[in-house]
Amino acid sequence: MRIKRPTTDVQRVACLGYFLVHTTVGKLGFSSAEIRQANTDSGASGMNFTRALDNATRQAKYLSNRGAKEKQLTTLGEDVVLALPNHEAVKQVEAEAKGRGKGKKKKKR
């Protein structure tokens, strides 16, 4: 966390998820409790962790639901973590991800 220096709670959650995925052998997903424990172990200050997880999943799209009680890091989340601590590179990664959308719907005639 000291090397990546995330500035937002959502970036912090993505960094913790990246750490969990790359330190646990053979495990691609993680539970909310595991990521919360990793946050506590890293000596983090207080934050609304439930909201940060929800925002990382629904708004930022750094995480996705893997199962009933598991989440996993998306490719966007991984790209953001790799771009940190360069916040200009993070903005560029996020801008490129917005351009990869579903495209415009065609009008029916």
PDB file of N, CA and C in Angstrom:
ATOM      1  N   MET A   1       0.834  -1.182   0.000  1.00  0.00           N
ATOM      2  CA  MET A   1       0.000   0.000   0.000  1.00  0.00           C
ATOM      3  C   MET A   1       0.885   1.255   0.000  1.00  0.00           C
ATOM      4  N   ARG A   2       2.011   1.139   0.643  1.00  0.00           N
ATOM      5  CA  ARG A   2       2.903   2.283   0.707  1.00  0.00           C
ATOM      6  C   ARG A   2       3.476   2.610  -0.668  1.00  0.00           C
ATOM      7  N   ILE A   3       3.721   1.593  -1.474  1.00  0.00           N
ATOM      8  CA  ILE A   3       4.286   1.808  -2.808  1.00  0.00           C
ATOM      9  C   ILE A   3       3.231   2.338  -3.768  1.00  0.00           C
ATOM     10  N   LYS A   4       2.029   1.787  -3.721  1.00  0.00           N
ATOM     11  CA  LYS A   4       0.967   2.164  -4.665  1.00  0.00           C
ATOM     12  C   LYS A   4       0.315   3.496  -4.313  1.00  0.00           C
ATOM     13  N   ARG A   5       0.237   3.845  -3.057  1.00  0.00           N
ATOM     14  CA  ARG A   5      -0.344   5.101  -2.573  1.00  0.00           C
ATOM     15  C   ARG A   5      -1.710   5.406  -3.189  1.00  0.00           C
ATOM     16  N   PRO A   6      -2.713   4.566  -2.951  1.00  0.00           N
ATOM     17  CA  PRO A   6      -4.044   4.856  -3.478  1.00  0.00           C
ATOM     18  C   PRO A   6      -4.625   6.097  -2.801  1.00  0.00           C
ATOM     19  N   THR A   7      -5.316   6.930  -3.573  1.00  0.00           N
ATOM     20  CA  THR A   7      -5.862   8.168  -3.019  1.00  0.00           C
ATOM     21  C   THR A   7      -7.329   8.042  -2.637  1.00  0.00           C
ATOM     22  N   THR A   8      -8.025   7.064  -3.182  1.00  0.00           N
ATOM     23  CA  THR A   8      -9.441   6.891  -2.861  1.00  0.00           C
ATOM     24  C   THR A   8      -9.666   5.529  -2.222  1.00  0.00           C
ATOM     25  N   ASP A   9     -10.797   5.405  -1.557  1.00  0.00           N
ATOM     26  CA  ASP A   9     -11.147   4.121  -0.948  1.00  0.00           C
ATOM     27  C   ASP A   9     -11.321   3.038  -2.004  1.00  0.00           C
ATOM     28  N   VAL A  10     -11.839   3.414  -3.157  1.00  0.00           N
ATOM     29  CA  VAL A  10     -12.059   2.451  -4.241  1.00  0.00           C
ATOM     30  C   VAL A  10     -10.719   1.929  -4.768  1.00  0.00           C
ATOM     31  N   GLN A  11      -9.750   2.813  -4.925  1.00  0.00           N
ATOM     32  CA  GLN A  11      -8.418   2.387  -5.347  1.00  0.00           C
ATOM     33  C   GLN A  11      -7.779   1.507  -4.279  1.00  0.00           C
ATOM     34  N   ARG A  12      -8.034   1.823  -3.027  1.00  0.00           N
ATOM     35  CA  ARG A  12      -7.500   1.031  -1.917  1.00  0.00           C
ATOM     36  C   ARG A  12      -8.059  -0.392  -1.964  1.00  0.00           C
ATOM     37  N   VAL A  13      -9.369  -0.508  -2.199  1.00  0.00           N
ATOM     38  CA  VAL A  13     -10.006  -1.822  -2.299  1.00  0.00           C
ATOM     39  C   VAL A  13      -9.422  -2.609  -3.465  1.00  0.00           C
ATOM     40  N   ALA A  14      -9.186  -1.943  -4.596  1.00  0.00           N
ATOM     41  CA  ALA A  14      -8.597  -2.621  -5.758  1.00  0.00           C
ATOM     42  C   ALA A  14      -7.188  -3.113  -5.434  1.00  0.00           C
ATOM     43  N   CYS A  15      -6.400  -2.310  -4.736  1.00  0.00           N
ATOM     44  CA  CYS A  15      -5.044  -2.727  -4.354  1.00  0.00           C
ATOM     45  C   CYS A  15      -5.086  -3.924  -3.412  1.00  0.00           C
ATOM     46  N   LEU A  16      -6.011  -3.908  -2.463  1.00  0.00           N
ATOM     47  CA  LEU A  16      -6.141  -5.033  -1.539  1.00  0.00           C
ATOM     48  C   LEU A  16      -6.562  -6.298  -2.276  1.00  0.00           C
ATOM     49  N   GLY A  17      -7.482  -6.162  -3.217  1.00  0.00           N
ATOM     50  CA  GLY A  17      -7.912  -7.305  -4.015  1.00  0.00           C
ATOM     51  C   GLY A  17      -6.772  -7.860  -4.840  1.00  0.00           C
ATOM     52  N   TYR A  18      -5.976  -6.985  -5.420  1.00  0.00           N
ATOM     53  CA  TYR A  18      -4.807  -7.402  -6.206  1.00  0.00           C
ATOM     54  C   TYR A  18      -3.834  -8.171  -5.328  1.00  0.00           C
ATOM     55  N   PHE A  19      -3.593  -7.654  -4.132  1.00  0.00           N
ATOM     56  CA  PHE A  19      -2.694  -8.310  -3.187  1.00  0.00           C
ATOM     57  C   PHE A  19      -3.216  -9.703  -2.835  1.00  0.00           C
ATOM     58  N   LEU A  20      -4.508  -9.817  -2.554  1.00  0.00           N
ATOM     59  CA  LEU A  20      -5.071 -11.117  -2.184  1.00  0.00           C
ATOM     60  C   LEU A  20      -4.975 -12.126  -3.321  1.00  0.00           C
ATOM     61  N   VAL A  21      -5.255 -11.688  -4.534  1.00  0.00           N
ATOM     62  CA  VAL A  21      -5.214 -12.591  -5.685  1.00  0.00           C
ATOM     63  C   VAL A  21      -3.789 -13.085  -5.940  1.00  0.00           C
ATOM     64  N   HIS A  22      -2.819 -12.200  -5.780  1.00  0.00           N
ATOM     65  CA  HIS A  22      -1.446 -12.566  -6.108  1.00  0.00           C
ATOM     66  C   HIS A  22      -0.675 -13.207  -4.957  1.00  0.00           C
ATOM     67  N   THR A  23      -1.238 -13.230  -3.769  1.00  0.00           N
ATOM     68  CA  THR A  23      -0.543 -13.876  -2.653  1.00  0.00           C
ATOM     69  C   THR A  23      -1.162 -15.210  -2.265  1.00  0.00           C
ATOM     70  N   THR A  24      -2.397 -15.462  -2.653  1.00  0.00           N
ATOM     71  CA  THR A  24      -3.017 -16.751  -2.355  1.00  0.00           C
ATOM     72  C   THR A  24      -2.934 -17.615  -3.596  1.00  0.00           C
ATOM     73  N   VAL A  25      -2.290 -18.732  -3.487  1.00  0.00           N
ATOM     74  CA  VAL A  25      -2.027 -19.604  -4.629  1.00  0.00           C
ATOM     75  C   VAL A  25      -3.309 -20.322  -5.045  1.00  0.00           C
ATOM     76  N   GLY A  26      -3.634 -20.229  -6.324  1.00  0.00           N
ATOM     77  CA  GLY A  26      -4.762 -20.957  -6.876  1.00  0.00           C
ATOM     78  C   GLY A  26      -6.122 -20.390  -6.562  1.00  0.00           C
ATOM     79  N   LYS A  27      -6.175 -19.214  -5.983  1.00  0.00           N
ATOM     80  CA  LYS A  27      -7.463 -18.624  -5.627  1.00  0.00           C
ATOM     81  C   LYS A  27      -7.657 -17.323  -6.396  1.00  0.00           C
ATOM     82  N   LEU A  28      -8.715 -17.244  -7.184  1.00  0.00           N
ATOM     83  CA  LEU A  28      -8.961 -16.056  -8.000  1.00  0.00           C
ATOM     84  C   LEU A  28      -9.916 -15.073  -7.335  1.00  0.00           C
ATOM     85  N   GLY A  29     -10.739 -15.558  -6.435  1.00  0.00           N
ATOM     86  CA  GLY A  29     -11.717 -14.703  -5.784  1.00  0.00           C
ATOM     87  C   GLY A  29     -11.394 -14.510  -4.314  1.00  0.00           C
ATOM     88  N   PHE A  30     -12.143 -13.614  -3.694  1.00  0.00           N
ATOM     89  CA  PHE A  30     -11.972 -13.352  -2.278  1.00  0.00           C
ATOM     90  C   PHE A  30     -13.303 -12.877  -1.713  1.00  0.00           C
ATOM     91  N   SER A  31     -13.493 -13.096  -0.437  1.00  0.00           N
ATOM     92  CA  SER A  31     -14.738 -12.687   0.214  1.00  0.00           C
ATOM     93  C   SER A  31     -14.563 -11.293   0.804  1.00  0.00           C
ATOM     94  N   SER A  32     -15.663 -10.691   1.183  1.00  0.00           N
ATOM     95  CA  SER A  32     -15.628  -9.373   1.813  1.00  0.00           C
ATOM     96  C   SER A  32     -14.839  -9.427   3.111  1.00  0.00           C
ATOM     97  N   ALA A  33     -15.004 -10.513   3.853  1.00  0.00           N
ATOM     98  CA  ALA A  33     -14.294 -10.653   5.125  1.00  0.00           C
ATOM     99  C   ALA A  33     -12.786 -10.732   4.905  1.00  0.00           C
ATOM    100  N   GLU A  34     -12.360 -11.425   3.861  1.00  0.00           N
ATOM    101  CA  GLU A  34     -10.925 -11.539   3.582  1.00  0.00           C
ATOM    102  C   GLU A  34     -10.317 -10.190   3.200  1.00  0.00           C
ATOM    103  N   ILE A  35     -11.023  -9.440   2.390  1.00  0.00           N
ATOM    104  CA  ILE A  35     -10.481  -8.152   1.971  1.00  0.00           C
ATOM    105  C   ILE A  35     -10.528  -7.147   3.125  1.00  0.00           C
ATOM    106  N   ARG A  36     -11.542  -7.266   3.975  1.00  0.00           N
ATOM    107  CA  ARG A  36     -11.625  -6.410   5.166  1.00  0.00           C
ATOM    108  C   ARG A  36     -10.459  -6.726   6.114  1.00  0.00           C
ATOM    109  N   GLN A  37     -10.145  -8.014   6.277  1.00  0.00           N
ATOM    110  CA  GLN A  37      -9.024  -8.415   7.132  1.00  0.00           C
ATOM    111  C   GLN A  37      -7.697  -7.917   6.564  1.00  0.00           C
ATOM    112  N   ALA A  38      -7.548  -7.977   5.243  1.00  0.00           N
ATOM    113  CA  ALA A  38      -6.327  -7.459   4.605  1.00  0.00           C
ATOM    114  C   ALA A  38      -6.205  -5.959   4.837  1.00  0.00           C
ATOM    115  N   ASN A  39      -7.318  -5.249   4.822  1.00  0.00           N
ATOM    116  CA  ASN A  39      -7.323  -3.813   5.087  1.00  0.00           C
ATOM    117  C   ASN A  39      -6.877  -3.540   6.522  1.00  0.00           C
ATOM    118  N   THR A  40      -7.396  -4.321   7.452  1.00  0.00           N
ATOM    119  CA  THR A  40      -7.015  -4.161   8.860  1.00  0.00           C
ATOM    120  C   THR A  40      -5.541  -4.477   9.048  1.00  0.00           C
ATOM    121  N   ASP A  41      -5.067  -5.549   8.415  1.00  0.00           N
ATOM    122  CA  ASP A  41      -3.665  -5.946   8.537  1.00  0.00           C
ATOM    123  C   ASP A  41      -2.713  -4.913   7.943  1.00  0.00           C
ATOM    124  N   SER A  42      -3.177  -4.160   6.962  1.00  0.00           N
ATOM    125  CA  SER A  42      -2.312  -3.152   6.350  1.00  0.00           C
ATOM    126  C   SER A  42      -2.217  -1.882   7.193  1.00  0.00           C
ATOM    127  N   GLY A  43      -2.984  -1.829   8.292  1.00  0.00           N
ATOM    128  CA  GLY A  43      -2.927  -0.668   9.177  1.00  0.00           C
ATOM    129  C   GLY A  43      -3.678   0.526   8.634  1.00  0.00           C
ATOM    130  N   ALA A  44      -4.757   0.274   7.921  1.00  0.00           N
ATOM    131  CA  ALA A  44      -5.513   1.347   7.287  1.00  0.00           C
ATOM    132  C   ALA A  44      -6.306   2.144   8.315  1.00  0.00           C
ATOM    133  N   SER A  45      -6.546   3.388   7.979  1.00  0.00           N
ATOM    134  CA  SER A  45      -7.387   4.219   8.822  1.00  0.00           C
ATOM    135  C   SER A  45      -8.845   3.872   8.563  1.00  0.00           C
ATOM    136  N   GLY A  46      -9.715   4.380   9.382  1.00  0.00           N
ATOM    137  CA  GLY A  46     -11.130   4.055   9.269  1.00  0.00           C
ATOM    138  C   GLY A  46     -11.759   4.547   7.978  1.00  0.00           C
ATOM    139  N   MET A  47     -12.579   3.703   7.392  1.00  0.00           N
ATOM    140  CA  MET A  47     -13.353   4.073   6.206  1.00  0.00           C
ATOM    141  C   MET A  47     -14.607   3.229   6.200  1.00  0.00           C
ATOM    142  N   ASN A  48     -15.594   3.670   5.476  1.00  0.00           N
ATOM    143  CA  ASN A  48     -16.817   2.894   5.345  1.00  0.00           C
ATOM    144  C   ASN A  48     -16.538   1.791   4.328  1.00  0.00           C
ATOM    145  N   PHE A  49     -16.143   0.640   4.834  1.00  0.00           N
ATOM    146  CA  PHE A  49     -15.652  -0.425   3.973  1.00  0.00           C
ATOM    147  C   PHE A  49     -16.746  -1.023   3.108  1.00  0.00           C
ATOM    148  N   THR A  50     -17.950  -1.127   3.647  1.00  0.00           N
ATOM    149  CA  THR A  50     -19.064  -1.668   2.869  1.00  0.00           C
ATOM    150  C   THR A  50     -19.343  -0.787   1.665  1.00  0.00           C
ATOM    151  N   ARG A  51     -19.354   0.504   1.865  1.00  0.00           N
ATOM    152  CA  ARG A  51     -19.595   1.441   0.766  1.00  0.00           C
ATOM    153  C   ARG A  51     -18.443   1.402  -0.239  1.00  0.00           C
ATOM    154  N   ALA A  52     -17.220   1.309   0.245  1.00  0.00           N
ATOM    155  CA  ALA A  52     -16.065   1.262  -0.657  1.00  0.00           C
ATOM    156  C   ALA A  52     -16.114   0.012  -1.540  1.00  0.00           C
ATOM    157  N   LEU A  53     -16.466  -1.132  -0.963  1.00  0.00           N
ATOM    158  CA  LEU A  53     -16.605  -2.362  -1.754  1.00  0.00           C
ATOM    159  C   LEU A  53     -17.718  -2.226  -2.789  1.00  0.00           C
ATOM    160  N   ASP A  54     -18.828  -1.659  -2.371  1.00  0.00           N
ATOM    161  CA  ASP A  54     -19.961  -1.488  -3.272  1.00  0.00           C
ATOM    162  C   ASP A  54     -19.600  -0.542  -4.423  1.00  0.00           C
ATOM    163  N   ASN A  55     -18.940   0.560  -4.107  1.00  0.00           N
ATOM    164  CA  ASN A  55     -18.537   1.507  -5.152  1.00  0.00           C
ATOM    165  C   ASN A  55     -17.488   0.908  -6.095  1.00  0.00           C
ATOM    166  N   ALA A  56     -16.585   0.115  -5.560  1.00  0.00           N
ATOM    167  CA  ALA A  56     -15.573  -0.525  -6.399  1.00  0.00           C
ATOM    168  C   ALA A  56     -16.206  -1.527  -7.352  1.00  0.00           C
ATOM    169  N   THR A  57     -17.328  -2.110  -6.932  1.00  0.00           N
ATOM    170  CA  THR A  57     -17.998  -3.098  -7.766  1.00  0.00           C
ATOM    171  C   THR A  57     -18.954  -2.447  -8.756  1.00  0.00           C
ATOM    172  N   ARG A  58     -19.824  -1.586  -8.273  1.00  0.00           N
ATOM    173  CA  ARG A  58     -20.902  -1.055  -9.123  1.00  0.00           C
ATOM    174  C   ARG A  58     -20.519   0.168  -9.937  1.00  0.00           C
ATOM    175  N   GLN A  59     -19.800   1.091  -9.353  1.00  0.00           N
ATOM    176  CA  GLN A  59     -19.501   2.335 -10.056  1.00  0.00           C
ATOM    177  C   GLN A  59     -18.185   2.274 -10.821  1.00  0.00           C
ATOM    178  N   ALA A  60     -17.115   1.923 -10.125  1.00  0.00           N
ATOM    179  CA  ALA A  60     -15.798   1.955 -10.750  1.00  0.00           C
ATOM    180  C   ALA A  60     -15.525   0.719 -11.600  1.00  0.00           C
ATOM    181  N   LYS A  61     -16.244  -0.371 -11.322  1.00  0.00           N
ATOM    182  CA  LYS A  61     -16.078  -1.639 -12.060  1.00  0.00           C
ATOM    183  C   LYS A  61     -14.691  -2.239 -11.878  1.00  0.00           C
ATOM    184  N   TYR A  62     -14.054  -1.987 -10.718  1.00  0.00           N
ATOM    185  CA  TYR A  62     -12.756  -2.581 -10.409  1.00  0.00           C
ATOM    186  C   TYR A  62     -12.913  -4.017  -9.934  1.00  0.00           C
ATOM    187  N   LEU A  63     -14.064  -4.342  -9.358  1.00  0.00           N
ATOM    188  CA  LEU A  63     -14.371  -5.681  -8.878  1.00  0.00           C
ATOM    189  C   LEU A  63     -15.636  -6.171  -9.538  1.00  0.00           C
ATOM    190  N   SER A  64     -15.797  -7.487  -9.577  1.00  0.00           N
ATOM    191  CA  SER A  64     -17.049  -8.064 -10.060  1.00  0.00           C
ATOM    192  C   SER A  64     -17.438  -9.197  -9.122  1.00  0.00           C
ATOM    193  N   ASN A  65     -18.707  -9.539  -9.152  1.00  0.00           N
ATOM    194  CA  ASN A  65     -19.189 -10.642  -8.327  1.00  0.00           C
ATOM    195  C   ASN A  65     -18.788 -11.949  -8.983  1.00  0.00           C
ATOM    196  N   ARG A  66     -18.198 -12.823  -8.204  1.00  0.00           N
ATOM    197  CA  ARG A  66     -17.763 -14.101  -8.716  1.00  0.00           C
ATOM    198  C   ARG A  66     -18.742 -15.205  -8.338  1.00  0.00           C
ATOM    199  N   GLY A  67     -19.291 -15.107  -7.191  1.00  0.00           N
ATOM    200  CA  GLY A  67     -20.245 -16.098  -6.698  1.00  0.00           C
ATOM    201  C   GLY A  67     -21.161 -15.423  -5.702  1.00  0.00           C
ATOM    202  N   ALA A  68     -21.826 -16.227  -4.923  1.00  0.00           N
ATOM    203  CA  ALA A  68     -22.772 -15.672  -3.957  1.00  0.00           C
ATOM    204  C   ALA A  68     -22.090 -14.756  -2.948  1.00  0.00           C
ATOM    205  N   LYS A  69     -20.931 -15.155  -2.478  1.00  0.00           N
ATOM    206  CA  LYS A  69     -20.258 -14.350  -1.459  1.00  0.00           C
ATOM    207  C   LYS A  69     -18.821 -14.028  -1.825  1.00  0.00           C
ATOM    208  N   GLU A  70     -18.492 -14.107  -3.112  1.00  0.00           N
ATOM    209  CA  GLU A  70     -17.131 -13.851  -3.547  1.00  0.00           C
ATOM    210  C   GLU A  70     -17.078 -12.748  -4.592  1.00  0.00           C
ATOM    211  N   LYS A  71     -15.970 -12.031  -4.582  1.00  0.00           N
ATOM    212  CA  LYS A  71     -15.703 -11.008  -5.586  1.00  0.00           C
ATOM    213  C   LYS A  71     -14.380 -11.351  -6.249  1.00  0.00           C
ATOM    214  N   GLN A  72     -14.161 -10.772  -7.415  1.00  0.00           N
ATOM    215  CA  GLN A  72     -12.878 -10.932  -8.082  1.00  0.00           C
ATOM    216  C   GLN A  72     -12.485  -9.620  -8.719  1.00  0.00           C
ATOM    217  N   LEU A  73     -11.207  -9.453  -8.948  1.00  0.00           N
ATOM    218  CA  LEU A  73     -10.661  -8.251  -9.551  1.00  0.00           C
ATOM    219  C   LEU A  73     -10.894  -8.301 -11.059  1.00  0.00           C
ATOM    220  N   THR A  74     -11.409  -7.219 -11.638  1.00  0.00           N
ATOM    221  CA  THR A  74     -11.611  -7.169 -13.084  1.00  0.00           C
ATOM    222  C   THR A  74     -10.303  -6.750 -13.759  1.00  0.00           C
ATOM    223  N   THR A  75     -10.280  -6.843 -15.068  1.00  0.00           N
ATOM    224  CA  THR A  75      -9.078  -6.418 -15.797  1.00  0.00           C
ATOM    225  C   THR A  75      -8.859  -4.917 -15.635  1.00  0.00           C
ATOM    226  N   LEU A  76      -9.941  -4.156 -15.562  1.00  0.00           N
ATOM    227  CA  LEU A  76      -9.820  -2.716 -15.330  1.00  0.00           C
ATOM    228  C   LEU A  76      -9.198  -2.467 -13.959  1.00  0.00           C
ATOM    229  N   GLY A  77      -9.666  -3.187 -12.944  1.00  0.00           N
ATOM    230  CA  GLY A  77      -9.110  -3.034 -11.601  1.00  0.00           C
ATOM    231  C   GLY A  77      -7.627  -3.363 -11.560  1.00  0.00           C
ATOM    232  N   GLU A  78      -7.253  -4.414 -12.265  1.00  0.00           N
ATOM    233  CA  GLU A  78      -5.845  -4.803 -12.300  1.00  0.00           C
ATOM    234  C   GLU A  78      -5.006  -3.752 -13.031  1.00  0.00           C
ATOM    235  N   ASP A  79      -5.532  -3.217 -14.126  1.00  0.00           N
ATOM    236  CA  ASP A  79      -4.813  -2.174 -14.859  1.00  0.00           C
ATOM    237  C   ASP A  79      -4.623  -0.920 -14.006  1.00  0.00           C
ATOM    238  N   VAL A  80      -5.630  -0.576 -13.226  1.00  0.00           N
ATOM    239  CA  VAL A  80      -5.537   0.603 -12.354  1.00  0.00           C
ATOM    240  C   VAL A  80      -4.470   0.385 -11.291  1.00  0.00           C
ATOM    241  N   VAL A  81      -4.452  -0.789 -10.681  1.00  0.00           N
ATOM    242  CA  VAL A  81      -3.445  -1.079  -9.649  1.00  0.00           C
ATOM    243  C   VAL A  81      -2.043  -1.035 -10.245  1.00  0.00           C
ATOM    244  N   LEU A  82      -1.875  -1.587 -11.435  1.00  0.00           N
ATOM    245  CA  LEU A  82      -0.556  -1.569 -12.074  1.00  0.00           C
ATOM    246  C   LEU A  82      -0.125  -0.155 -12.444  1.00  0.00           C
ATOM    247  N   ALA A  83      -1.093   0.727 -12.728  1.00  0.00           N
ATOM    248  CA  ALA A  83      -0.771   2.107 -13.098  1.00  0.00           C
ATOM    249  C   ALA A  83      -0.415   2.961 -11.879  1.00  0.00           C
ATOM    250  N   LEU A  84      -0.893   2.583 -10.708  1.00  0.00           N
ATOM    251  CA  LEU A  84      -0.580   3.357  -9.505  1.00  0.00           C
ATOM    252  C   LEU A  84       0.912   3.265  -9.208  1.00  0.00           C
ATOM    253  N   PRO A  85       1.547   4.250  -8.651  1.00  0.00           N
ATOM    254  CA  PRO A  85       1.064   5.495  -8.080  1.00  0.00           C
ATOM    255  C   PRO A  85       0.949   6.658  -9.065  1.00  0.00           C
ATOM    256  N   ASN A  86       1.132   6.418 -10.351  1.00  0.00           N
ATOM    257  CA  ASN A  86       1.008   7.463 -11.356  1.00  0.00           C
ATOM    258  C   ASN A  86      -0.471   7.728 -11.617  1.00  0.00           C
ATOM    259  N   HIS A  87      -1.000   8.773 -11.013  1.00  0.00           N
ATOM    260  CA  HIS A  87      -2.440   9.042 -11.094  1.00  0.00           C
ATOM    261  C   HIS A  87      -2.872   9.531 -12.475  1.00  0.00           C
ATOM    262  N   GLU A  88      -1.955  10.103 -13.235  1.00  0.00           N
ATOM    263  CA  GLU A  88      -2.276  10.468 -14.621  1.00  0.00           C
ATOM    264  C   GLU A  88      -2.480   9.207 -15.457  1.00  0.00           C
ATOM    265  N   ALA A  89      -1.675   8.188 -15.216  1.00  0.00           N
ATOM    266  CA  ALA A  89      -1.832   6.923 -15.925  1.00  0.00           C
ATOM    267  C   ALA A  89      -3.145   6.244 -15.537  1.00  0.00           C
ATOM    268  N   VAL A  90      -3.555   6.382 -14.281  1.00  0.00           N
ATOM    269  CA  VAL A  90      -4.842   5.823 -13.832  1.00  0.00           C
ATOM    270  C   VAL A  90      -5.982   6.491 -14.584  1.00  0.00           C
ATOM    271  N   LYS A  91      -5.925   7.807 -14.728  1.00  0.00           N
ATOM    272  CA  LYS A  91      -6.971   8.533 -15.466  1.00  0.00           C
ATOM    273  C   LYS A  91      -7.025   8.065 -16.917  1.00  0.00           C
ATOM    274  N   GLN A  92      -5.878   7.813 -17.492  1.00  0.00           N
ATOM    275  CA  GLN A  92      -5.821   7.354 -18.884  1.00  0.00           C
ATOM    276  C   GLN A  92      -6.427   5.954 -19.003  1.00  0.00           C
ATOM    277  N   VAL A  93      -6.109   5.069 -18.076  1.00  0.00           N
ATOM    278  CA  VAL A  93      -6.658   3.709 -18.085  1.00  0.00           C
ATOM    279  C   VAL A  93      -8.177   3.760 -17.957  1.00  0.00           C
ATOM    280  N   GLU A  94      -8.675   4.604 -17.063  1.00  0.00           N
ATOM    281  CA  GLU A  94     -10.123   4.718 -16.879  1.00  0.00           C
ATOM    282  C   GLU A  94     -10.802   5.311 -18.097  1.00  0.00           C
ATOM    283  N   ALA A  95     -10.155   6.284 -18.745  1.00  0.00           N
ATOM    284  CA  ALA A  95     -10.721   6.888 -19.959  1.00  0.00           C
ATOM    285  C   ALA A  95     -10.795   5.870 -21.084  1.00  0.00           C
ATOM    286  N   GLU A  96      -9.768   5.056 -21.213  1.00  0.00           N
ATOM    287  CA  GLU A  96      -9.776   4.017 -22.244  1.00  0.00           C
ATOM    288  C   GLU A  96     -10.861   2.981 -21.970  1.00  0.00           C
ATOM    289  N   ALA A  97     -11.100   2.679 -20.711  1.00  0.00           N
ATOM    290  CA  ALA A  97     -12.123   1.696 -20.348  1.00  0.00           C
ATOM    291  C   ALA A  97     -13.517   2.215 -20.684  1.00  0.00           C
ATOM    292  N   LYS A  98     -13.735   3.516 -20.539  1.00  0.00           N
ATOM    293  CA  LYS A  98     -15.042   4.075 -20.882  1.00  0.00           C
ATOM    294  C   LYS A  98     -15.285   4.007 -22.372  1.00  0.00           C
ATOM    295  N   GLY A  99     -14.223   4.065 -23.152  1.00  0.00           N
ATOM    296  CA  GLY A  99     -14.341   3.981 -24.601  1.00  0.00           C
ATOM    297  C   GLY A  99     -14.632   2.569 -25.091  1.00  0.00           C
ATOM    298  N   ARG A 100     -14.408   1.562 -24.225  1.00  0.00           N
ATOM    299  CA  ARG A 100     -14.623   0.165 -24.599  1.00  0.00           C
ATOM    300  C   ARG A 100     -16.054  -0.278 -24.333  1.00  0.00           C
ATOM    301  N   GLY A 101     -16.970   0.640 -24.213  1.00  0.00           N
ATOM    302  CA  GLY A 101     -18.351   0.305 -23.860  1.00  0.00           C
ATOM    303  C   GLY A 101     -19.053  -0.545 -24.889  1.00  0.00           C
ATOM    304  N   LYS A 102     -20.316  -0.753 -24.677  1.00  0.00           N
ATOM    305  CA  LYS A 102     -21.106  -1.643 -25.520  1.00  0.00           C
ATOM    306  C   LYS A 102     -21.435  -1.048 -26.886  1.00  0.00           C
ATOM    307  N   GLY A 103     -21.257   0.236 -27.019  1.00  0.00           N
ATOM    308  CA  GLY A 103     -21.574   0.861 -28.297  1.00  0.00           C
ATOM    309  C   GLY A 103     -22.996   1.365 -28.317  1.00  0.00           C
ATOM    310  N   LYS A 104     -23.340   2.031 -29.391  1.00  0.00           N
ATOM    311  CA  LYS A 104     -24.668   2.618 -29.501  1.00  0.00           C
ATOM    312  C   LYS A 104     -25.642   1.579 -30.060  1.00  0.00           C
ATOM    313  N   LYS A 105     -26.849   1.642 -29.588  1.00  0.00           N
ATOM    314  CA  LYS A 105     -27.876   0.745 -30.098  1.00  0.00           C
ATOM    315  C   LYS A 105     -28.386   1.287 -31.426  1.00  0.00           C
ATOM    316  N   LYS A 106     -28.639   0.384 -32.319  1.00  0.00           N
ATOM    317  CA  LYS A 106     -29.171   0.776 -33.618  1.00  0.00           C
ATOM    318  C   LYS A 106     -30.667   0.939 -33.516  1.00  0.00           C
ATOM    319  N   LYS A 107     -31.163   1.933 -34.202  1.00  0.00           N
ATOM    320  CA  LYS A 107     -32.614   2.160 -34.222  1.00  0.00           C
ATOM    321  C   LYS A 107     -33.287   1.143 -35.128  1.00  0.00           C
ATOM    322  N   LYS A 108     -34.413   0.650 -34.669  1.00  0.00           N
ATOM    323  CA  LYS A 108     -35.183  -0.271 -35.499  1.00  0.00           C
ATOM    324  C   LYS A 108     -36.009   0.540 -36.474  1.00  0.00           C
ATOM    325  N   ARG A 109     -36.100   0.051 -37.678  1.00  0.00           N
ATOM    326  CA  ARG A 109     -36.887   0.763 -38.687  1.00  0.00           C
ATOM    327  C   ARG A 109     -38.192   0.101 -38.915  1.00  0.00           C
TER     328      ARG A 109
END
